[in-house]
């Protein structure tokens, strides 16, 4: 497993400590792309996100963008073994691709099952008191990786089925604080959530084996 040595120096600001620039203990991988271009993950002809469906209204546009970002998460994790999936970024971050999958499974679950559908489904990882278990407990275990994908796909399937049977994006859900919000806002938030974390996935994957491309 790749390790990174880093120093911690005293600092009068923040928490009293400041991390110096991390120094890799091994050579970083060479950057490469399966499409032969650093701009592309795969060729357009092989890209499952390519759709000829016209985006003619709000609904089709939101769902197309969300679907593409969900697919991007899967693509960024493709062909990796459990150790690579669980490999974390530079200290002190606990972020890994496996942690991302687990976290996003809980995000899907929260917004579509609990907020929109009115269920009371518990978190898949941790609890309200232990909020970061999706990241902290992500380890290089094949069973855990398989379970993470099963959870994520089950939550995506639930979300997709829910949206399919709701004809109006103005339908409302209720948050824990009692505030209401429309389905359209949840979809926009999910696009925002995936866009942010797919950017993390870009960097995590490049650090693992050098593969790049959007």
C-alpha atoms as a PDB file:
ATOM      1  CA  UNK A   1       0.000   0.000   0.000  1.00  0.00           C
ATOM      2  CA  UNK A   2       1.253   3.466  -0.801  1.00  0.00           C
ATOM      3  CA  UNK A   3       2.194   5.432   2.301  1.00  0.00           C
ATOM      4  CA  UNK A   4       2.880   9.098   2.686  1.00  0.00           C
ATOM      5  CA  UNK A   5       5.186  10.625   5.254  1.00  0.00           C
ATOM      6  CA  UNK A   6       4.173  14.017   6.580  1.00  0.00           C
ATOM      7  CA  UNK A   7       5.343  16.268   9.359  1.00  0.00           C
ATOM      8  CA  UNK A   8       3.312  18.196  11.881  1.00  0.00           C
ATOM      9  CA  UNK A   9       4.646  21.527  13.095  1.00  0.00           C
ATOM     10  CA  UNK A  10       3.504  23.698  15.962  1.00  0.00           C
ATOM     11  CA  UNK A  11       1.360  26.600  14.884  1.00  0.00           C
ATOM     12  CA  UNK A  12      -0.293  29.423  16.844  1.00  0.00           C
ATOM     13  CA  UNK A  13      -3.450  29.257  14.713  1.00  0.00           C
ATOM     14  CA  UNK A  14      -6.302  26.816  14.112  1.00  0.00           C
ATOM     15  CA  UNK A  15      -6.158  23.741  16.313  1.00  0.00           C
ATOM     16  CA  UNK A  16      -2.602  24.491  17.371  1.00  0.00           C
ATOM     17  CA  UNK A  17      -0.989  22.357  14.658  1.00  0.00           C
ATOM     18  CA  UNK A  18      -0.271  22.828  11.006  1.00  0.00           C
ATOM     19  CA  UNK A  19       0.495  20.068   8.500  1.00  0.00           C
ATOM     20  CA  UNK A  20       3.534  20.718   6.356  1.00  0.00           C
ATOM     21  CA  UNK A  21       3.420  19.816   2.683  1.00  0.00           C
ATOM     22  CA  UNK A  22       3.100  15.995   2.471  1.00  0.00           C
ATOM     23  CA  UNK A  23       6.044  14.239   0.867  1.00  0.00           C
ATOM     24  CA  UNK A  24       5.270  11.036  -1.084  1.00  0.00           C
ATOM     25  CA  UNK A  25       7.408   8.068  -0.042  1.00  0.00           C
ATOM     26  CA  UNK A  26       7.045   6.448  -3.463  1.00  0.00           C
ATOM     27  CA  UNK A  27       7.044   7.744  -7.001  1.00  0.00           C
ATOM     28  CA  UNK A  28       3.588   8.867  -8.167  1.00  0.00           C
ATOM     29  CA  UNK A  29       2.032   6.888 -11.018  1.00  0.00           C
ATOM     30  CA  UNK A  30       2.239   8.138 -14.574  1.00  0.00           C
ATOM     31  CA  UNK A  31      -0.888   9.843 -15.875  1.00  0.00           C
ATOM     32  CA  UNK A  32      -2.753   7.963 -18.613  1.00  0.00           C
ATOM     33  CA  UNK A  33      -6.146   7.748 -20.283  1.00  0.00           C
ATOM     34  CA  UNK A  34      -7.890   4.770 -21.854  1.00  0.00           C
ATOM     35  CA  UNK A  35      -9.150   7.146 -24.551  1.00  0.00           C
ATOM     36  CA  UNK A  36      -5.684   8.373 -25.495  1.00  0.00           C
ATOM     37  CA  UNK A  37      -6.567  11.898 -24.400  1.00  0.00           C
ATOM     38  CA  UNK A  38      -6.168  13.349 -20.921  1.00  0.00           C
ATOM     39  CA  UNK A  39      -9.532  15.043 -21.368  1.00  0.00           C
ATOM     40  CA  UNK A  40     -11.518  11.810 -21.832  1.00  0.00           C
ATOM     41  CA  UNK A  41     -12.042   8.794 -19.567  1.00  0.00           C
ATOM     42  CA  UNK A  42     -13.230   6.636 -22.475  1.00  0.00           C
ATOM     43  CA  UNK A  43     -13.941   7.333 -26.116  1.00  0.00           C
ATOM     44  CA  UNK A  44     -17.327   8.952 -26.830  1.00  0.00           C
ATOM     45  CA  UNK A  45     -18.495   5.786 -28.592  1.00  0.00           C
ATOM     46  CA  UNK A  46     -17.860   3.741 -25.418  1.00  0.00           C
ATOM     47  CA  UNK A  47     -19.120   6.299 -22.909  1.00  0.00           C
ATOM     48  CA  UNK A  48     -22.307   5.025 -21.196  1.00  0.00           C
ATOM     49  CA  UNK A  49     -23.186   8.592 -20.267  1.00  0.00           C
ATOM     50  CA  UNK A  50     -23.675   9.542 -23.901  1.00  0.00           C
ATOM     51  CA  UNK A  51     -27.374  10.026 -24.547  1.00  0.00           C
ATOM     52  CA  UNK A  52     -29.250  11.110 -27.634  1.00  0.00           C
ATOM     53  CA  UNK A  53     -32.362  11.923 -25.642  1.00  0.00           C
ATOM     54  CA  UNK A  54     -33.333  15.570 -26.107  1.00  0.00           C
ATOM     55  CA  UNK A  55     -33.280  17.692 -22.962  1.00  0.00           C
ATOM     56  CA  UNK A  56     -36.435  19.643 -23.589  1.00  0.00           C
ATOM     57  CA  UNK A  57     -37.599  20.536 -20.106  1.00  0.00           C
ATOM     58  CA  UNK A  58     -36.567  20.874 -16.481  1.00  0.00           C
ATOM     59  CA  UNK A  59     -37.266  17.248 -15.580  1.00  0.00           C
ATOM     60  CA  UNK A  60     -35.332  15.652 -18.412  1.00  0.00           C
ATOM     61  CA  UNK A  61     -32.393  18.007 -17.866  1.00  0.00           C
ATOM     62  CA  UNK A  62     -32.097  17.399 -14.120  1.00  0.00           C
ATOM     63  CA  UNK A  63     -32.424  13.628 -14.443  1.00  0.00           C
ATOM     64  CA  UNK A  64     -29.924  13.417 -17.306  1.00  0.00           C
ATOM     65  CA  UNK A  65     -27.276  15.339 -15.381  1.00  0.00           C
ATOM     66  CA  UNK A  66     -27.837  13.316 -12.205  1.00  0.00           C
ATOM     67  CA  UNK A  67     -27.682  10.048 -14.121  1.00  0.00           C
ATOM     68  CA  UNK A  68     -24.410  11.101 -15.749  1.00  0.00           C
ATOM     69  CA  UNK A  69     -22.805  11.936 -12.417  1.00  0.00           C
ATOM     70  CA  UNK A  70     -23.918   8.640 -10.898  1.00  0.00           C
ATOM     71  CA  UNK A  71     -22.348   6.832 -13.832  1.00  0.00           C
ATOM     72  CA  UNK A  72     -19.169   8.882 -13.417  1.00  0.00           C
ATOM     73  CA  UNK A  73     -18.775   7.620  -9.842  1.00  0.00           C
ATOM     74  CA  UNK A  74     -18.943   4.021 -11.075  1.00  0.00           C
ATOM     75  CA  UNK A  75     -16.501   4.705 -13.901  1.00  0.00           C
ATOM     76  CA  UNK A  76     -13.950   6.305 -11.581  1.00  0.00           C
ATOM     77  CA  UNK A  77     -13.993   3.158  -9.428  1.00  0.00           C
ATOM     78  CA  UNK A  78     -13.809   0.674 -12.307  1.00  0.00           C
ATOM     79  CA  UNK A  79     -11.101  -2.028 -12.357  1.00  0.00           C
ATOM     80  CA  UNK A  80      -9.824  -1.328  -8.845  1.00  0.00           C
ATOM     81  CA  UNK A  81      -9.197  -3.947  -6.169  1.00  0.00           C
ATOM     82  CA  UNK A  82     -10.363  -3.551  -2.544  1.00  0.00           C
ATOM     83  CA  UNK A  83      -7.049  -2.114  -1.381  1.00  0.00           C
ATOM     84  CA  UNK A  84      -7.157   0.551  -4.070  1.00  0.00           C
ATOM     85  CA  UNK A  85     -10.809   1.342  -3.338  1.00  0.00           C
ATOM     86  CA  UNK A  86     -10.007   1.862   0.350  1.00  0.00           C
ATOM     87  CA  UNK A  87      -6.767   3.767  -0.197  1.00  0.00           C
ATOM     88  CA  UNK A  88      -7.007   7.179   1.422  1.00  0.00           C
ATOM     89  CA  UNK A  89      -5.773  10.518   0.184  1.00  0.00           C
ATOM     90  CA  UNK A  90      -3.096  12.556   1.898  1.00  0.00           C
ATOM     91  CA  UNK A  91      -3.257  12.748   5.702  1.00  0.00           C
ATOM     92  CA  UNK A  92      -5.138  13.835   7.683  1.00  0.00           C
ATOM     93  CA  UNK A  93      -7.995  13.202   5.217  1.00  0.00           C
ATOM     94  CA  UNK A  94     -10.015  10.003   5.655  1.00  0.00           C
ATOM     95  CA  UNK A  95     -11.391  10.191   2.107  1.00  0.00           C
ATOM     96  CA  UNK A  96     -11.257   7.150  -0.204  1.00  0.00           C
ATOM     97  CA  UNK A  97     -13.234   5.962  -3.208  1.00  0.00           C
ATOM     98  CA  UNK A  98     -14.848   3.285  -1.047  1.00  0.00           C
ATOM     99  CA  UNK A  99     -15.765   5.943   1.491  1.00  0.00           C
ATOM    100  CA  UNK A 100     -17.318   7.993  -1.311  1.00  0.00           C
ATOM    101  CA  UNK A 101     -19.538   5.102  -2.426  1.00  0.00           C
ATOM    102  CA  UNK A 102     -20.657   4.469   1.150  1.00  0.00           C
ATOM    103  CA  UNK A 103     -21.272   8.155   1.825  1.00  0.00           C
ATOM    104  CA  UNK A 104     -23.304   8.655  -1.355  1.00  0.00           C
ATOM    105  CA  UNK A 105     -25.418   5.591  -0.588  1.00  0.00           C
ATOM    106  CA  UNK A 106     -26.428   7.285   2.660  1.00  0.00           C
ATOM    107  CA  UNK A 107     -26.988  10.607   0.885  1.00  0.00           C
ATOM    108  CA  UNK A 108     -29.363   8.973  -1.620  1.00  0.00           C
ATOM    109  CA  UNK A 109     -31.091   7.169   1.229  1.00  0.00           C
ATOM    110  CA  UNK A 110     -31.591  10.316   3.273  1.00  0.00           C
ATOM    111  CA  UNK A 111     -33.023  12.551   0.577  1.00  0.00           C
ATOM    112  CA  UNK A 112     -35.244  10.121  -1.289  1.00  0.00           C
ATOM    113  CA  UNK A 113     -36.347   7.639   1.366  1.00  0.00           C
ATOM    114  CA  UNK A 114     -36.570   9.864   4.393  1.00  0.00           C
ATOM    115  CA  UNK A 115     -37.151  13.404   3.172  1.00  0.00           C
ATOM    116  CA  UNK A 116     -39.220  12.774   0.034  1.00  0.00           C
ATOM    117  CA  UNK A 117     -40.886   9.395   0.693  1.00  0.00           C
ATOM    118  CA  UNK A 118     -41.420  10.027   4.410  1.00  0.00           C
ATOM    119  CA  UNK A 119     -39.708   6.859   5.615  1.00  0.00           C
ATOM    120  CA  UNK A 120     -37.641   6.612   8.775  1.00  0.00           C
ATOM    121  CA  UNK A 121     -34.760   4.583   7.394  1.00  0.00           C
ATOM    122  CA  UNK A 122     -31.641   4.539   9.609  1.00  0.00           C
ATOM    123  CA  UNK A 123     -28.232   5.424   8.233  1.00  0.00           C
ATOM    124  CA  UNK A 124     -26.466   2.570   6.494  1.00  0.00           C
ATOM    125  CA  UNK A 125     -23.147   3.526   8.083  1.00  0.00           C
ATOM    126  CA  UNK A 126     -22.844   4.798  11.611  1.00  0.00           C
ATOM    127  CA  UNK A 127     -25.603   6.798  13.264  1.00  0.00           C
ATOM    128  CA  UNK A 128     -26.624  10.368  13.954  1.00  0.00           C
ATOM    129  CA  UNK A 129     -24.092  10.350  16.785  1.00  0.00           C
ATOM    130  CA  UNK A 130     -21.336   8.721  14.691  1.00  0.00           C
ATOM    131  CA  UNK A 131     -21.636  10.772  11.541  1.00  0.00           C
ATOM    132  CA  UNK A 132     -18.451   9.891   9.651  1.00  0.00           C
ATOM    133  CA  UNK A 133     -18.450   6.098   9.791  1.00  0.00           C
ATOM    134  CA  UNK A 134     -18.869   5.864   6.007  1.00  0.00           C
ATOM    135  CA  UNK A 135     -15.358   7.259   5.718  1.00  0.00           C
ATOM    136  CA  UNK A 136     -13.685   6.088   8.903  1.00  0.00           C
ATOM    137  CA  UNK A 137     -14.743   2.430   8.686  1.00  0.00           C
ATOM    138  CA  UNK A 138     -13.950   1.967   4.968  1.00  0.00           C
ATOM    139  CA  UNK A 139     -11.324  -0.800   4.803  1.00  0.00           C
ATOM    140  CA  UNK A 140      -9.787  -3.005   2.115  1.00  0.00           C
ATOM    141  CA  UNK A 141     -12.227  -5.880   2.494  1.00  0.00           C
ATOM    142  CA  UNK A 142     -13.788  -7.451  -0.634  1.00  0.00           C
ATOM    143  CA  UNK A 143     -17.054  -8.122   1.195  1.00  0.00           C
ATOM    144  CA  UNK A 144     -17.283  -4.526   2.349  1.00  0.00           C
ATOM    145  CA  UNK A 145     -16.658  -3.220  -1.168  1.00  0.00           C
ATOM    146  CA  UNK A 146     -19.335  -5.517  -2.596  1.00  0.00           C
ATOM    147  CA  UNK A 147     -21.786  -4.485   0.117  1.00  0.00           C
ATOM    148  CA  UNK A 148     -21.096  -0.800  -0.498  1.00  0.00           C
ATOM    149  CA  UNK A 149     -21.975  -1.143  -4.160  1.00  0.00           C
ATOM    150  CA  UNK A 150     -25.099  -3.167  -3.319  1.00  0.00           C
ATOM    151  CA  UNK A 151     -26.236  -0.464  -0.906  1.00  0.00           C
ATOM    152  CA  UNK A 152     -25.524   2.346  -3.343  1.00  0.00           C
ATOM    153  CA  UNK A 153     -27.310   0.660  -6.257  1.00  0.00           C
ATOM    154  CA  UNK A 154     -30.311  -0.193  -4.084  1.00  0.00           C
ATOM    155  CA  UNK A 155     -30.645   3.434  -3.004  1.00  0.00           C
ATOM    156  CA  UNK A 156     -30.240   4.723  -6.558  1.00  0.00           C
ATOM    157  CA  UNK A 157     -32.928   2.255  -7.717  1.00  0.00           C
ATOM    158  CA  UNK A 158     -35.263   3.457  -4.972  1.00  0.00           C
ATOM    159  CA  UNK A 159     -34.647   7.097  -5.863  1.00  0.00           C
ATOM    160  CA  UNK A 160     -35.199   6.463  -9.566  1.00  0.00           C
ATOM    161  CA  UNK A 161     -38.425   4.565  -8.921  1.00  0.00           C
ATOM    162  CA  UNK A 162     -39.671   7.327  -6.635  1.00  0.00           C
ATOM    163  CA  UNK A 163     -38.984  10.052  -9.194  1.00  0.00           C
ATOM    164  CA  UNK A 164     -40.563   7.983 -11.991  1.00  0.00           C
ATOM    165  CA  UNK A 165     -43.870   7.721 -10.164  1.00  0.00           C
ATOM    166  CA  UNK A 166     -44.014  11.402  -9.222  1.00  0.00           C
ATOM    167  CA  UNK A 167     -45.283  13.513 -12.091  1.00  0.00           C
ATOM    168  CA  UNK A 168     -44.745  16.962 -10.569  1.00  0.00           C
ATOM    169  CA  UNK A 169     -41.327  18.245  -9.456  1.00  0.00           C
ATOM    170  CA  UNK A 170     -43.178  20.588  -7.108  1.00  0.00           C
ATOM    171  CA  UNK A 171     -44.134  17.697  -4.816  1.00  0.00           C
ATOM    172  CA  UNK A 172     -42.730  18.392  -1.355  1.00  0.00           C
ATOM    173  CA  UNK A 173     -40.846  16.436   1.250  1.00  0.00           C
ATOM    174  CA  UNK A 174     -40.213  17.263   4.886  1.00  0.00           C
ATOM    175  CA  UNK A 175     -36.836  17.658   6.551  1.00  0.00           C
ATOM    176  CA  UNK A 176     -36.071  16.810  10.179  1.00  0.00           C
ATOM    177  CA  UNK A 177     -36.496  20.419  11.223  1.00  0.00           C
ATOM    178  CA  UNK A 178     -39.986  20.460   9.763  1.00  0.00           C
ATOM    179  CA  UNK A 179     -39.142  22.582   6.748  1.00  0.00           C
ATOM    180  CA  UNK A 180     -40.550  21.555   3.376  1.00  0.00           C
ATOM    181  CA  UNK A 181     -38.739  21.514   0.058  1.00  0.00           C
ATOM    182  CA  UNK A 182     -39.660  20.502  -3.457  1.00  0.00           C
ATOM    183  CA  UNK A 183     -38.367  17.499  -5.358  1.00  0.00           C
ATOM    184  CA  UNK A 184     -36.730  19.814  -7.887  1.00  0.00           C
ATOM    185  CA  UNK A 185     -34.538  21.233  -5.138  1.00  0.00           C
ATOM    186  CA  UNK A 186     -33.542  17.748  -3.983  1.00  0.00           C
ATOM    187  CA  UNK A 187     -32.521  16.863  -7.551  1.00  0.00           C
ATOM    188  CA  UNK A 188     -30.448  20.027  -7.858  1.00  0.00           C
ATOM    189  CA  UNK A 189     -28.807  19.268  -4.513  1.00  0.00           C
ATOM    190  CA  UNK A 190     -27.995  15.708  -5.615  1.00  0.00           C
ATOM    191  CA  UNK A 191     -26.334  17.023  -8.781  1.00  0.00           C
ATOM    192  CA  UNK A 192     -24.329  19.403  -6.598  1.00  0.00           C
ATOM    193  CA  UNK A 193     -23.387  16.557  -4.228  1.00  0.00           C
ATOM    194  CA  UNK A 194     -22.213  14.251  -6.988  1.00  0.00           C
ATOM    195  CA  UNK A 195     -20.382  17.012  -8.872  1.00  0.00           C
ATOM    196  CA  UNK A 196     -18.385  17.822  -5.751  1.00  0.00           C
ATOM    197  CA  UNK A 197     -17.548  14.224  -4.946  1.00  0.00           C
ATOM    198  CA  UNK A 198     -16.777  13.241  -8.533  1.00  0.00           C
ATOM    199  CA  UNK A 199     -14.142  15.951  -8.401  1.00  0.00           C
ATOM    200  CA  UNK A 200     -12.721  14.204  -5.341  1.00  0.00           C
ATOM    201  CA  UNK A 201     -12.901  10.908  -7.246  1.00  0.00           C
ATOM    202  CA  UNK A 202     -10.873  12.430 -10.102  1.00  0.00           C
ATOM    203  CA  UNK A 203      -7.981  13.146  -7.767  1.00  0.00           C
ATOM    204  CA  UNK A 204      -8.256   9.914  -5.775  1.00  0.00           C
ATOM    205  CA  UNK A 205      -8.187   7.780  -8.922  1.00  0.00           C
ATOM    206  CA  UNK A 206      -5.286   9.691 -10.440  1.00  0.00           C
ATOM    207  CA  UNK A 207      -3.273   9.129  -7.257  1.00  0.00           C
ATOM    208  CA  UNK A 208      -4.019   5.387  -7.324  1.00  0.00           C
ATOM    209  CA  UNK A 209      -3.016   4.418 -10.850  1.00  0.00           C
ATOM    210  CA  UNK A 210      -2.598   7.639 -12.810  1.00  0.00           C
ATOM    211  CA  UNK A 211      -5.761   7.293 -14.890  1.00  0.00           C
ATOM    212  CA  UNK A 212      -7.307  10.617 -15.846  1.00  0.00           C
ATOM    213  CA  UNK A 213     -10.166  11.989 -17.916  1.00  0.00           C
ATOM    214  CA  UNK A 214     -13.663  13.318 -17.320  1.00  0.00           C
END
